[in-house]
Amino acid sequence: MPKMKTKKAVAKRIRVTKNKKGIRSKGGTGHLMSSKSSKRKRQLKRKAVCSSADKALIKNALPYS
């Protein structure tokens, strides 16, 4: 049986923890930052946990994580 391929687009965006939770960066930080409040920008810096509904998708996309 051949090796399973990792979906590189997902691997660049999501890191999997020991407990198999997905950690991702929040969106909305690419541009137009001057109009956003300091509080909002500070909160966007933090990492977010992926939804439990996405667990199966992450598991298929990252078979060796």
PDB file of N, CA and C in Angstrom:
ATOM      1  N   MET A   1       0.843  -1.185   0.000  1.00  0.00           N
ATOM      2  CA  MET A   1       0.000   0.000   0.000  1.00  0.00           C
ATOM      3  C   MET A   1       0.887   1.246   0.000  1.00  0.00           C
ATOM      4  N   PRO A   2       0.631   2.194  -0.904  1.00  0.00           N
ATOM      5  CA  PRO A   2       1.488   3.391  -0.964  1.00  0.00           C
ATOM      6  C   PRO A   2       1.251   4.313   0.229  1.00  0.00           C
ATOM      7  N   LYS A   3       2.208   5.188   0.427  1.00  0.00           N
ATOM      8  CA  LYS A   3       2.085   6.170   1.503  1.00  0.00           C
ATOM      9  C   LYS A   3       0.941   7.134   1.195  1.00  0.00           C
ATOM     10  N   MET A   4       0.302   7.618   2.262  1.00  0.00           N
ATOM     11  CA  MET A   4      -0.738   8.630   2.094  1.00  0.00           C
ATOM     12  C   MET A   4      -0.074   9.991   1.978  1.00  0.00           C
ATOM     13  N   LYS A   5      -0.639  10.840   1.158  1.00  0.00           N
ATOM     14  CA  LYS A   5      -0.065  12.169   0.976  1.00  0.00           C
ATOM     15  C   LYS A   5      -0.675  13.167   1.949  1.00  0.00           C
ATOM     16  N   THR A   6       0.183  14.028   2.476  1.00  0.00           N
ATOM     17  CA  THR A   6      -0.249  15.117   3.341  1.00  0.00           C
ATOM     18  C   THR A   6      -0.734  16.270   2.479  1.00  0.00           C
ATOM     19  N   LYS A   7      -1.862  16.861   2.858  1.00  0.00           N
ATOM     20  CA  LYS A   7      -2.361  18.056   2.164  1.00  0.00           C
ATOM     21  C   LYS A   7      -1.548  19.245   2.655  1.00  0.00           C
ATOM     22  N   LYS A   8      -0.651  19.732   1.820  1.00  0.00           N
ATOM     23  CA  LYS A   8       0.301  20.760   2.232  1.00  0.00           C
ATOM     24  C   LYS A   8      -0.374  22.081   2.573  1.00  0.00           C
ATOM     25  N   ALA A   9      -1.482  22.396   1.913  1.00  0.00           N
ATOM     26  CA  ALA A   9      -2.192  23.645   2.213  1.00  0.00           C
ATOM     27  C   ALA A   9      -2.689  23.632   3.656  1.00  0.00           C
ATOM     28  N   VAL A  10      -3.152  22.473   4.118  1.00  0.00           N
ATOM     29  CA  VAL A  10      -3.638  22.347   5.495  1.00  0.00           C
ATOM     30  C   VAL A  10      -2.453  22.335   6.459  1.00  0.00           C
ATOM     31  N   ALA A  11      -1.373  21.653   6.080  1.00  0.00           N
ATOM     32  CA  ALA A  11      -0.197  21.541   6.954  1.00  0.00           C
ATOM     33  C   ALA A  11       0.423  22.908   7.236  1.00  0.00           C
ATOM     34  N   LYS A  12       0.316  23.825   6.277  1.00  0.00           N
ATOM     35  CA  LYS A  12       0.877  25.167   6.465  1.00  0.00           C
ATOM     36  C   LYS A  12       0.011  26.026   7.389  1.00  0.00           C
ATOM     37  N   ARG A  13      -1.265  25.669   7.523  1.00  0.00           N
ATOM     38  CA  ARG A  13      -2.201  26.508   8.268  1.00  0.00           C
ATOM     39  C   ARG A  13      -2.560  25.972   9.648  1.00  0.00           C
ATOM     40  N   ILE A  14      -2.461  24.656   9.837  1.00  0.00           N
ATOM     41  CA  ILE A  14      -2.933  24.035  11.078  1.00  0.00           C
ATOM     42  C   ILE A  14      -1.826  23.205  11.701  1.00  0.00           C
ATOM     43  N   ARG A  15      -1.688  23.344  13.026  1.00  0.00           N
ATOM     44  CA  ARG A  15      -0.751  22.520  13.795  1.00  0.00           C
ATOM     45  C   ARG A  15      -1.590  21.643  14.716  1.00  0.00           C
ATOM     46  N   VAL A  16      -1.224  20.369  14.827  1.00  0.00           N
ATOM     47  CA  VAL A  16      -1.993  19.429  15.631  1.00  0.00           C
ATOM     48  C   VAL A  16      -1.289  19.224  16.964  1.00  0.00           C
ATOM     49  N   THR A  17      -2.053  19.317  18.055  1.00  0.00           N
ATOM     50  CA  THR A  17      -1.497  19.157  19.398  1.00  0.00           C
ATOM     51  C   THR A  17      -1.430  17.673  19.763  1.00  0.00           C
ATOM     52  N   LYS A  18      -0.893  17.383  20.951  1.00  0.00           N
ATOM     53  CA  LYS A  18      -0.811  15.997  21.418  1.00  0.00           C
ATOM     54  C   LYS A  18      -2.182  15.375  21.579  1.00  0.00           C
ATOM     55  N   ASN A  19      -3.162  16.187  21.943  1.00  0.00           N
ATOM     56  CA  ASN A  19      -4.523  15.681  22.129  1.00  0.00           C
ATOM     57  C   ASN A  19      -5.339  15.709  20.842  1.00  0.00           C
ATOM     58  N   LYS A  20      -4.639  15.843  19.704  1.00  0.00           N
ATOM     59  CA  LYS A  20      -5.262  15.813  18.368  1.00  0.00           C
ATOM     60  C   LYS A  20      -6.214  16.974  18.123  1.00  0.00           C
ATOM     61  N   LYS A  21      -5.949  18.111  18.775  1.00  0.00           N
ATOM     62  CA  LYS A  21      -6.717  19.319  18.501  1.00  0.00           C
ATOM     63  C   LYS A  21      -5.960  20.149  17.470  1.00  0.00           C
ATOM     64  N   GLY A  22      -6.692  20.822  16.598  1.00  0.00           N
ATOM     65  CA  GLY A  22      -6.080  21.680  15.599  1.00  0.00           C
ATOM     66  C   GLY A  22      -5.920  23.095  16.115  1.00  0.00           C
ATOM     67  N   ILE A  23      -4.731  23.667  15.926  1.00  0.00           N
ATOM     68  CA  ILE A  23      -4.467  25.048  16.319  1.00  0.00           C
ATOM     69  C   ILE A  23      -4.263  25.851  15.040  1.00  0.00           C
ATOM     70  N   ARG A  24      -4.969  26.959  14.923  1.00  0.00           N
ATOM     71  CA  ARG A  24      -4.885  27.773  13.712  1.00  0.00           C
ATOM     72  C   ARG A  24      -4.750  29.241  14.065  1.00  0.00           C
ATOM     73  N   SER A  25      -4.318  30.027  13.101  1.00  0.00           N
ATOM     74  CA  SER A  25      -4.280  31.478  13.257  1.00  0.00           C
ATOM     75  C   SER A  25      -5.630  32.052  12.860  1.00  0.00           C
ATOM     76  N   LYS A  26      -5.966  33.183  13.433  1.00  0.00           N
ATOM     77  CA  LYS A  26      -7.221  33.835  13.101  1.00  0.00           C
ATOM     78  C   LYS A  26      -7.064  34.642  11.821  1.00  0.00           C
ATOM     79  N   GLY A  27      -8.149  34.780  11.091  1.00  0.00           N
ATOM     80  CA  GLY A  27      -8.149  35.541   9.853  1.00  0.00           C
ATOM     81  C   GLY A  27      -8.366  37.023  10.103  1.00  0.00           C
ATOM     82  N   GLY A  28      -8.258  37.806   9.049  1.00  0.00           N
ATOM     83  CA  GLY A  28      -8.542  39.231   9.152  1.00  0.00           C
ATOM     84  C   GLY A  28      -7.358  40.063   9.575  1.00  0.00           C
ATOM     85  N   THR A  29      -6.130  39.560   9.385  1.00  0.00           N
ATOM     86  CA  THR A  29      -4.949  40.309   9.807  1.00  0.00           C
ATOM     87  C   THR A  29      -4.041  40.667   8.640  1.00  0.00           C
ATOM     88  N   GLY A  30      -4.498  40.432   7.426  1.00  0.00           N
ATOM     89  CA  GLY A  30      -3.643  40.643   6.262  1.00  0.00           C
ATOM     90  C   GLY A  30      -3.437  42.106   5.908  1.00  0.00           C
ATOM     91  N   HIS A  31      -4.492  42.892   5.997  1.00  0.00           N
ATOM     92  CA  HIS A  31      -4.394  44.311   5.636  1.00  0.00           C
ATOM     93  C   HIS A  31      -5.550  45.053   6.283  1.00  0.00           C
ATOM     94  N   LEU A  32      -5.598  46.375   6.061  1.00  0.00           N
ATOM     95  CA  LEU A  32      -6.604  47.260   6.655  1.00  0.00           C
ATOM     96  C   LEU A  32      -6.581  47.202   8.181  1.00  0.00           C
ATOM     97  N   MET A  33      -5.389  47.156   8.760  1.00  0.00           N
ATOM     98  CA  MET A  33      -5.266  47.028  10.207  1.00  0.00           C
ATOM     99  C   MET A  33      -5.436  48.363  10.927  1.00  0.00           C
ATOM    100  N   SER A  34      -5.238  49.464  10.228  1.00  0.00           N
ATOM    101  CA  SER A  34      -5.309  50.769  10.902  1.00  0.00           C
ATOM    102  C   SER A  34      -6.724  51.100  11.367  1.00  0.00           C
ATOM    103  N   SER A  35      -7.717  50.530  10.716  1.00  0.00           N
ATOM    104  CA  SER A  35      -9.097  50.820  11.098  1.00  0.00           C
ATOM    105  C   SER A  35      -9.582  49.930  12.236  1.00  0.00           C
ATOM    106  N   LYS A  36      -8.784  48.938  12.633  1.00  0.00           N
ATOM    107  CA  LYS A  36      -9.171  48.019  13.703  1.00  0.00           C
ATOM    108  C   LYS A  36      -8.618  48.506  15.031  1.00  0.00           C
ATOM    109  N   SER A  37      -9.371  48.278  16.093  1.00  0.00           N
ATOM    110  CA  SER A  37      -8.951  48.750  17.404  1.00  0.00           C
ATOM    111  C   SER A  37      -7.776  47.921  17.925  1.00  0.00           C
ATOM    112  N   SER A  38      -7.044  48.480  18.865  1.00  0.00           N
ATOM    113  CA  SER A  38      -5.895  47.785  19.453  1.00  0.00           C
ATOM    114  C   SER A  38      -6.341  46.488  20.109  1.00  0.00           C
ATOM    115  N   LYS A  39      -7.481  46.531  20.782  1.00  0.00           N
ATOM    116  CA  LYS A  39      -8.000  45.327  21.443  1.00  0.00           C
ATOM    117  C   LYS A  39      -8.278  44.228  20.421  1.00  0.00           C
ATOM    118  N   ARG A  40      -8.894  44.623  19.331  1.00  0.00           N
ATOM    119  CA  ARG A  40      -9.228  43.645  18.289  1.00  0.00           C
ATOM    120  C   ARG A  40      -7.970  43.053  17.660  1.00  0.00           C
ATOM    121  N   LYS A  41      -6.978  43.908  17.392  1.00  0.00           N
ATOM    122  CA  LYS A  41      -5.723  43.425  16.807  1.00  0.00           C
ATOM    123  C   LYS A  41      -4.992  42.497  17.764  1.00  0.00           C
ATOM    124  N   ARG A  42      -5.029  42.827  19.043  1.00  0.00           N
ATOM    125  CA  ARG A  42      -4.380  41.999  20.059  1.00  0.00           C
ATOM    126  C   ARG A  42      -5.042  40.625  20.136  1.00  0.00           C
ATOM    127  N   GLN A  43      -6.361  40.600  20.066  1.00  0.00           N
ATOM    128  CA  GLN A  43      -7.079  39.331  20.131  1.00  0.00           C
ATOM    129  C   GLN A  43      -6.892  38.501  18.862  1.00  0.00           C
ATOM    130  N   LEU A  44      -6.704  39.152  17.729  1.00  0.00           N
ATOM    131  CA  LEU A  44      -6.475  38.431  16.477  1.00  0.00           C
ATOM    132  C   LEU A  44      -5.101  37.769  16.443  1.00  0.00           C
ATOM    133  N   LYS A  45      -4.160  38.270  17.257  1.00  0.00           N
ATOM    134  CA  LYS A  45      -2.814  37.665  17.312  1.00  0.00           C
ATOM    135  C   LYS A  45      -2.840  36.268  17.915  1.00  0.00           C
ATOM    136  N   ARG A  46      -3.792  36.032  18.821  1.00  0.00           N
ATOM    137  CA  ARG A  46      -3.841  34.755  19.534  1.00  0.00           C
ATOM    138  C   ARG A  46      -4.251  33.618  18.603  1.00  0.00           C
ATOM    139  N   LYS A  47      -3.808  32.425  18.924  1.00  0.00           N
ATOM    140  CA  LYS A  47      -4.181  31.243  18.162  1.00  0.00           C
ATOM    141  C   LYS A  47      -5.570  30.784  18.591  1.00  0.00           C
ATOM    142  N   ALA A  48      -6.250  30.070  17.705  1.00  0.00           N
ATOM    143  CA  ALA A  48      -7.587  29.563  17.990  1.00  0.00           C
ATOM    144  C   ALA A  48      -7.590  28.054  17.801  1.00  0.00           C
ATOM    145  N   VAL A  49      -8.475  27.384  18.523  1.00  0.00           N
ATOM    146  CA  VAL A  49      -8.637  25.941  18.383  1.00  0.00           C
ATOM    147  C   VAL A  49      -9.664  25.689  17.293  1.00  0.00           C
ATOM    148  N   CYS A  50      -9.363  24.753  16.404  1.00  0.00           N
ATOM    149  CA  CYS A  50     -10.289  24.431  15.324  1.00  0.00           C
ATOM    150  C   CYS A  50     -11.538  23.772  15.881  1.00  0.00           C
ATOM    151  N   SER A  51     -12.621  23.928  15.181  1.00  0.00           N
ATOM    152  CA  SER A  51     -13.899  23.368  15.588  1.00  0.00           C
ATOM    153  C   SER A  51     -13.834  21.845  15.615  1.00  0.00           C
ATOM    154  N   SER A  52     -14.615  21.250  16.506  1.00  0.00           N
ATOM    155  CA  SER A  52     -14.662  19.783  16.576  1.00  0.00           C
ATOM    156  C   SER A  52     -15.289  19.196  15.316  1.00  0.00           C
ATOM    157  N   ALA A  53     -16.079  19.988  14.600  1.00  0.00           N
ATOM    158  CA  ALA A  53     -16.675  19.532  13.344  1.00  0.00           C
ATOM    159  C   ALA A  53     -15.608  19.333  12.264  1.00  0.00           C
ATOM    160  N   ASP A  54     -14.462  20.007  12.410  1.00  0.00           N
ATOM    161  CA  ASP A  54     -13.385  19.896  11.431  1.00  0.00           C
ATOM    162  C   ASP A  54     -12.383  18.801  11.760  1.00  0.00           C
ATOM    163  N   LYS A  55     -12.565  18.090  12.875  1.00  0.00           N
ATOM    164  CA  LYS A  55     -11.593  17.075  13.288  1.00  0.00           C
ATOM    165  C   LYS A  55     -11.379  16.006  12.232  1.00  0.00           C
ATOM    166  N   ALA A  56     -12.464  15.510  11.636  1.00  0.00           N
ATOM    167  CA  ALA A  56     -12.363  14.454  10.623  1.00  0.00           C
ATOM    168  C   ALA A  56     -11.641  14.962   9.384  1.00  0.00           C
ATOM    169  N   LEU A  57     -11.926  16.213   9.003  1.00  0.00           N
ATOM    170  CA  LEU A  57     -11.258  16.793   7.833  1.00  0.00           C
ATOM    171  C   LEU A  57      -9.762  16.938   8.065  1.00  0.00           C
ATOM    172  N   ILE A  58      -9.386  17.382   9.259  1.00  0.00           N
ATOM    173  CA  ILE A  58      -7.974  17.554   9.594  1.00  0.00           C
ATOM    174  C   ILE A  58      -7.282  16.198   9.639  1.00  0.00           C
ATOM    175  N   LYS A  59      -7.957  15.206  10.191  1.00  0.00           N
ATOM    176  CA  LYS A  59      -7.375  13.867  10.292  1.00  0.00           C
ATOM    177  C   LYS A  59      -7.088  13.284   8.909  1.00  0.00           C
ATOM    178  N   ASN A  60      -7.998  13.506   7.951  1.00  0.00           N
ATOM    179  CA  ASN A  60      -7.784  13.014   6.581  1.00  0.00           C
ATOM    180  C   ASN A  60      -6.718  13.791   5.856  1.00  0.00           C
ATOM    181  N   ALA A  61      -6.647  15.090   6.107  1.00  0.00           N
ATOM    182  CA  ALA A  61      -5.689  15.940   5.392  1.00  0.00           C
ATOM    183  C   ALA A  61      -4.262  15.767   5.921  1.00  0.00           C
ATOM    184  N   LEU A  62      -4.136  15.473   7.231  1.00  0.00           N
ATOM    185  CA  LEU A  62      -2.820  15.309   7.867  1.00  0.00           C
ATOM    186  C   LEU A  62      -2.728  13.900   8.445  1.00  0.00           C
ATOM    187  N   PRO A  63      -2.490  12.885   7.600  1.00  0.00           N
ATOM    188  CA  PRO A  63      -2.549  11.508   8.082  1.00  0.00           C
ATOM    189  C   PRO A  63      -1.465  11.131   9.084  1.00  0.00           C
ATOM    190  N   TYR A  64      -0.326  11.818   9.090  1.00  0.00           N
ATOM    191  CA  TYR A  64       0.786  11.437   9.958  1.00  0.00           C
ATOM    192  C   TYR A  64       0.971  12.366  11.141  1.00  0.00           C
ATOM    193  N   SER A  65      -0.060  13.120  11.498  1.00  0.00           N
ATOM    194  CA  SER A  65       0.063  14.030  12.636  1.00  0.00           C
ATOM    195  C   SER A  65      -0.640  13.474  13.858  1.00  0.00           C
TER     196      SER A  65
END
